[in-house]
Amino acid sequence: QVVRVSGIPFYELEHMLYAINKEDGKVYIAIYESEEQQIVSGRAYAIDRLKELLAQQSEVTVTDLDVQGGLHSPDMDSIVDQFKIYLEKVDFKDLTIPMVSSLDGQR
């Protein structure tokens, strides 16, 4: 499950997530969007616990995001490990067609 949390400093949110994770939760800040807005991903029960804690704070909003998973969280570590094994078997060749970077438009 993935939510956007707004209206709370990231360091306060980190302390809440630490406490939830000590209770065997699995919830993490996936993306730091700004000082007081983060994307949080985790198991449904841990996100529900976070929502309970945040409901006590009037300035905080929690918005459910319609995404398949928290791709920027430690939940992806096992998948990354599996994908790494696959990529190590791929024989990459030198480019025959110039590549243009989408970052700066340079070749």
N, C-alpha and C. Protein backbone atom coordinates (compact mmCIF):
# COMPACT_ATOMS: atom_id res chain seq x y z
N GLN A 1 0.85 -1.17 0.00
CA GLN A 1 0.00 0.00 0.00
C GLN A 1 0.90 1.24 0.00
N VAL A 2 0.46 2.30 -0.68
CA VAL A 2 1.26 3.51 -0.81
C VAL A 2 0.37 4.72 -0.52
N VAL A 3 0.89 5.65 0.29
CA VAL A 3 0.16 6.86 0.64
C VAL A 3 1.08 8.07 0.56
N ARG A 4 0.48 9.22 0.35
CA ARG A 4 1.21 10.50 0.45
C ARG A 4 0.84 11.10 1.79
N VAL A 5 1.85 11.49 2.57
CA VAL A 5 1.63 12.11 3.88
C VAL A 5 2.11 13.55 3.78
N SER A 6 1.21 14.48 4.07
CA SER A 6 1.52 15.91 3.99
C SER A 6 1.23 16.59 5.32
N GLY A 7 2.05 17.59 5.65
CA GLY A 7 1.79 18.40 6.82
C GLY A 7 2.53 17.99 8.07
N ILE A 8 3.53 17.13 7.92
CA ILE A 8 4.33 16.71 9.07
C ILE A 8 5.79 16.67 8.64
N PRO A 9 6.69 17.23 9.43
CA PRO A 9 8.12 17.17 9.07
C PRO A 9 8.60 15.73 8.93
N PHE A 10 9.47 15.51 7.96
CA PHE A 10 9.92 14.14 7.67
C PHE A 10 10.54 13.47 8.88
N TYR A 11 11.25 14.22 9.72
CA TYR A 11 11.91 13.59 10.87
C TYR A 11 10.89 13.09 11.89
N GLU A 12 9.74 13.78 12.03
CA GLU A 12 8.69 13.28 12.91
C GLU A 12 8.06 12.02 12.33
N LEU A 13 7.85 12.03 11.02
CA LEU A 13 7.29 10.86 10.36
C LEU A 13 8.25 9.67 10.49
N GLU A 14 9.54 9.92 10.33
CA GLU A 14 10.53 8.85 10.48
C GLU A 14 10.45 8.21 11.86
N HIS A 15 10.26 9.03 12.91
CA HIS A 15 10.14 8.49 14.27
C HIS A 15 8.89 7.61 14.40
N MET A 16 7.79 8.02 13.80
CA MET A 16 6.57 7.21 13.84
C MET A 16 6.79 5.88 13.13
N LEU A 17 7.42 5.93 11.96
CA LEU A 17 7.66 4.70 11.20
C LEU A 17 8.59 3.77 11.96
N TYR A 18 9.58 4.34 12.63
CA TYR A 18 10.50 3.53 13.44
C TYR A 18 9.73 2.78 14.52
N ALA A 19 8.81 3.49 15.18
CA ALA A 19 8.02 2.86 16.24
C ALA A 19 7.12 1.77 15.68
N ILE A 20 6.51 2.02 14.53
CA ILE A 20 5.66 1.00 13.90
C ILE A 20 6.49 -0.20 13.49
N ASN A 21 7.66 0.04 12.94
CA ASN A 21 8.52 -1.07 12.52
C ASN A 21 9.03 -1.89 13.70
N LYS A 22 9.18 -1.26 14.87
CA LYS A 22 9.57 -2.01 16.07
C LYS A 22 8.45 -2.95 16.49
N GLU A 23 7.21 -2.63 16.13
CA GLU A 23 6.06 -3.48 16.43
C GLU A 23 5.85 -4.52 15.34
N ASP A 24 6.87 -4.79 14.51
CA ASP A 24 6.81 -5.73 13.40
C ASP A 24 6.00 -5.19 12.23
N GLY A 25 6.03 -3.89 12.06
CA GLY A 25 5.42 -3.30 10.88
C GLY A 25 6.43 -3.31 9.75
N LYS A 26 5.97 -3.09 8.58
CA LYS A 26 6.85 -2.98 7.41
C LYS A 26 6.39 -1.74 6.66
N VAL A 27 6.94 -0.59 7.02
CA VAL A 27 6.52 0.67 6.42
C VAL A 27 7.72 1.60 6.33
N TYR A 28 7.85 2.29 5.19
CA TYR A 28 9.04 3.08 4.92
C TYR A 28 8.69 4.35 4.15
N ILE A 29 9.52 5.38 4.31
CA ILE A 29 9.41 6.52 3.42
C ILE A 29 10.06 6.10 2.10
N ALA A 30 9.26 6.11 1.05
CA ALA A 30 9.77 5.71 -0.26
C ALA A 30 10.35 6.90 -1.02
N ILE A 31 9.71 8.07 -0.87
CA ILE A 31 10.17 9.26 -1.58
C ILE A 31 10.00 10.47 -0.68
N TYR A 32 11.05 11.25 -0.56
CA TYR A 32 10.99 12.53 0.16
C TYR A 32 10.66 13.60 -0.88
N GLU A 33 9.40 14.03 -0.92
CA GLU A 33 9.00 15.02 -1.92
C GLU A 33 9.35 16.44 -1.47
N SER A 34 9.21 16.72 -0.19
CA SER A 34 9.57 18.03 0.35
C SER A 34 9.76 17.87 1.85
N GLU A 35 10.03 18.97 2.53
CA GLU A 35 10.25 18.95 3.98
C GLU A 35 9.07 18.31 4.72
N GLU A 36 7.86 18.59 4.25
CA GLU A 36 6.66 18.11 4.95
C GLU A 36 5.73 17.30 4.06
N GLN A 37 6.28 16.64 3.06
CA GLN A 37 5.46 15.77 2.22
C GLN A 37 6.29 14.59 1.75
N GLN A 38 5.85 13.39 2.10
CA GLN A 38 6.57 12.17 1.76
C GLN A 38 5.62 11.14 1.17
N ILE A 39 6.17 10.26 0.37
CA ILE A 39 5.44 9.08 -0.09
C ILE A 39 5.89 7.94 0.81
N VAL A 40 4.91 7.25 1.38
CA VAL A 40 5.18 6.16 2.32
C VAL A 40 4.60 4.88 1.74
N SER A 41 5.38 3.81 1.79
CA SER A 41 4.90 2.53 1.31
C SER A 41 5.11 1.48 2.39
N GLY A 42 4.27 0.47 2.35
CA GLY A 42 4.42 -0.60 3.32
C GLY A 42 3.26 -1.56 3.29
N ARG A 43 3.29 -2.47 4.21
CA ARG A 43 2.22 -3.45 4.34
C ARG A 43 0.95 -2.75 4.80
N ALA A 44 -0.18 -3.28 4.39
CA ALA A 44 -1.47 -2.63 4.66
C ALA A 44 -1.69 -2.40 6.16
N TYR A 45 -1.36 -3.39 6.99
CA TYR A 45 -1.59 -3.23 8.43
C TYR A 45 -0.70 -2.14 9.02
N ALA A 46 0.49 -1.97 8.48
CA ALA A 46 1.40 -0.94 8.98
C ALA A 46 0.94 0.45 8.53
N ILE A 47 0.45 0.55 7.30
CA ILE A 47 -0.09 1.82 6.81
C ILE A 47 -1.34 2.19 7.62
N ASP A 48 -2.17 1.20 7.93
CA ASP A 48 -3.35 1.47 8.77
C ASP A 48 -2.95 2.00 10.14
N ARG A 49 -1.90 1.43 10.71
CA ARG A 49 -1.42 1.90 12.02
C ARG A 49 -0.90 3.33 11.91
N LEU A 50 -0.20 3.63 10.84
CA LEU A 50 0.30 4.99 10.62
C LEU A 50 -0.88 5.96 10.49
N LYS A 51 -1.90 5.57 9.75
CA LYS A 51 -3.08 6.44 9.60
C LYS A 51 -3.73 6.71 10.96
N GLU A 52 -3.77 5.70 11.82
CA GLU A 52 -4.33 5.89 13.16
C GLU A 52 -3.54 6.93 13.93
N LEU A 53 -2.22 6.84 13.88
CA LEU A 53 -1.37 7.78 14.60
C LEU A 53 -1.50 9.20 14.03
N LEU A 54 -1.57 9.29 12.71
CA LEU A 54 -1.64 10.60 12.07
C LEU A 54 -3.01 11.25 12.20
N ALA A 55 -4.05 10.45 12.43
CA ALA A 55 -5.40 10.99 12.57
C ALA A 55 -5.51 11.91 13.78
N GLN A 56 -4.61 11.76 14.73
CA GLN A 56 -4.61 12.59 15.93
C GLN A 56 -4.04 13.98 15.67
N GLN A 57 -3.48 14.21 14.50
CA GLN A 57 -2.85 15.49 14.18
C GLN A 57 -3.69 16.20 13.12
N SER A 58 -4.24 17.35 13.47
CA SER A 58 -5.19 18.04 12.60
C SER A 58 -4.58 18.59 11.31
N GLU A 59 -3.32 18.91 11.29
CA GLU A 59 -2.69 19.53 10.12
C GLU A 59 -2.21 18.51 9.09
N VAL A 60 -2.27 17.24 9.42
CA VAL A 60 -1.71 16.19 8.56
C VAL A 60 -2.79 15.61 7.66
N THR A 61 -2.45 15.43 6.38
CA THR A 61 -3.36 14.74 5.47
C THR A 61 -2.65 13.50 4.93
N VAL A 62 -3.44 12.44 4.77
CA VAL A 62 -2.94 11.19 4.22
C VAL A 62 -3.81 10.85 3.02
N THR A 63 -3.16 10.68 1.86
CA THR A 63 -3.88 10.40 0.62
C THR A 63 -3.43 9.06 0.08
N ASP A 64 -4.38 8.15 -0.13
CA ASP A 64 -4.05 6.87 -0.75
C ASP A 64 -3.66 7.11 -2.20
N LEU A 65 -2.61 6.43 -2.65
CA LEU A 65 -2.16 6.54 -4.04
C LEU A 65 -2.48 5.25 -4.77
N ASP A 66 -2.92 5.37 -5.98
CA ASP A 66 -3.30 4.20 -6.78
C ASP A 66 -2.10 3.70 -7.58
N VAL A 67 -1.19 3.03 -6.86
CA VAL A 67 -0.02 2.43 -7.49
C VAL A 67 0.07 0.98 -7.05
N GLN A 68 0.82 0.19 -7.80
CA GLN A 68 0.91 -1.23 -7.52
C GLN A 68 1.80 -1.58 -6.34
N GLY A 69 2.77 -0.73 -6.02
CA GLY A 69 3.66 -1.06 -4.92
C GLY A 69 4.68 0.02 -4.69
N GLY A 70 5.35 -0.09 -3.58
CA GLY A 70 6.37 0.88 -3.22
C GLY A 70 7.70 0.50 -3.84
N LEU A 71 7.93 0.97 -5.04
CA LEU A 71 9.13 0.57 -5.78
C LEU A 71 10.40 1.21 -5.23
N HIS A 72 10.27 2.17 -4.33
CA HIS A 72 11.44 2.83 -3.76
C HIS A 72 11.62 2.44 -2.30
N SER A 73 11.28 1.23 -1.94
CA SER A 73 11.36 0.82 -0.55
C SER A 73 12.13 -0.48 -0.40
N PRO A 74 12.52 -0.80 0.82
CA PRO A 74 13.23 -2.07 1.05
C PRO A 74 12.42 -3.31 0.70
N ASP A 75 11.10 -3.17 0.53
CA ASP A 75 10.30 -4.31 0.10
C ASP A 75 10.75 -4.85 -1.26
N MET A 76 11.43 -4.03 -2.02
CA MET A 76 11.87 -4.42 -3.36
C MET A 76 13.23 -5.13 -3.35
N ASP A 77 13.90 -5.18 -2.22
CA ASP A 77 15.25 -5.74 -2.17
C ASP A 77 15.34 -7.17 -2.71
N SER A 78 14.39 -8.02 -2.36
CA SER A 78 14.46 -9.41 -2.84
C SER A 78 14.26 -9.48 -4.35
N ILE A 79 13.42 -8.62 -4.89
CA ILE A 79 13.20 -8.59 -6.34
C ILE A 79 14.44 -8.07 -7.04
N VAL A 80 15.07 -7.05 -6.47
CA VAL A 80 16.30 -6.50 -7.04
C VAL A 80 17.37 -7.59 -7.09
N ASP A 81 17.48 -8.36 -6.04
CA ASP A 81 18.47 -9.44 -6.01
C ASP A 81 18.22 -10.46 -7.12
N GLN A 82 16.96 -10.81 -7.33
CA GLN A 82 16.62 -11.77 -8.38
C GLN A 82 16.90 -11.18 -9.77
N PHE A 83 16.56 -9.91 -9.95
CA PHE A 83 16.78 -9.26 -11.23
C PHE A 83 18.26 -9.11 -11.52
N LYS A 84 19.05 -8.87 -10.48
CA LYS A 84 20.50 -8.73 -10.63
C LYS A 84 21.10 -10.04 -11.17
N ILE A 85 20.63 -11.17 -10.66
CA ILE A 85 21.11 -12.47 -11.15
C ILE A 85 20.81 -12.62 -12.64
N TYR A 86 19.62 -12.20 -13.05
CA TYR A 86 19.24 -12.26 -14.46
C TYR A 86 20.13 -11.35 -15.30
N LEU A 87 20.33 -10.10 -14.85
CA LEU A 87 21.11 -9.15 -15.63
C LEU A 87 22.58 -9.55 -15.76
N GLU A 88 23.09 -10.26 -14.77
CA GLU A 88 24.48 -10.71 -14.85
C GLU A 88 24.70 -11.70 -15.98
N LYS A 89 23.63 -12.34 -16.45
CA LYS A 89 23.70 -13.30 -17.54
C LYS A 89 23.55 -12.66 -18.92
N VAL A 90 23.13 -11.40 -18.97
CA VAL A 90 22.91 -10.72 -20.23
C VAL A 90 24.25 -10.24 -20.81
N ASP A 91 24.43 -10.51 -22.09
CA ASP A 91 25.65 -10.09 -22.79
C ASP A 91 25.37 -8.76 -23.47
N PHE A 92 25.71 -7.67 -22.81
CA PHE A 92 25.49 -6.34 -23.36
C PHE A 92 26.54 -6.05 -24.43
N LYS A 93 26.12 -5.46 -25.54
CA LYS A 93 27.01 -5.11 -26.65
C LYS A 93 27.18 -3.60 -26.71
N ASP A 94 28.23 -3.17 -27.41
CA ASP A 94 28.40 -1.74 -27.66
C ASP A 94 27.27 -1.25 -28.55
N LEU A 95 26.90 0.00 -28.40
CA LEU A 95 25.82 0.57 -29.21
C LEU A 95 26.23 0.69 -30.67
N THR A 96 25.31 0.39 -31.56
CA THR A 96 25.55 0.60 -33.00
C THR A 96 24.79 1.83 -33.48
N ILE A 97 23.81 2.26 -32.73
CA ILE A 97 23.05 3.47 -33.01
C ILE A 97 23.31 4.43 -31.86
N PRO A 98 23.62 5.70 -32.16
CA PRO A 98 23.89 6.65 -31.07
C PRO A 98 22.70 6.77 -30.11
N MET A 99 23.02 6.86 -28.84
CA MET A 99 21.98 7.03 -27.83
C MET A 99 21.94 8.51 -27.44
N VAL A 100 20.73 9.05 -27.31
CA VAL A 100 20.57 10.42 -26.86
C VAL A 100 19.98 10.37 -25.46
N SER A 101 20.64 11.01 -24.53
CA SER A 101 20.21 11.00 -23.14
C SER A 101 18.93 11.82 -22.97
N SER A 102 17.97 11.27 -22.25
CA SER A 102 16.74 12.02 -21.96
C SER A 102 16.98 13.05 -20.87
N LEU A 103 18.10 12.96 -20.19
CA LEU A 103 18.42 13.90 -19.14
C LEU A 103 18.89 15.24 -19.68
N ASP A 104 19.84 15.19 -20.62
CA ASP A 104 20.40 16.44 -21.12
C ASP A 104 20.41 16.55 -22.65
N GLY A 105 19.89 15.57 -23.34
CA GLY A 105 19.83 15.61 -24.81
C GLY A 105 21.16 15.40 -25.49
N GLN A 106 22.19 15.01 -24.76
CA GLN A 106 23.52 14.81 -25.31
C GLN A 106 23.69 13.36 -25.78
N ARG A 107 24.56 13.19 -26.77
CA ARG A 107 24.88 11.85 -27.26
C ARG A 107 25.93 11.21 -26.40
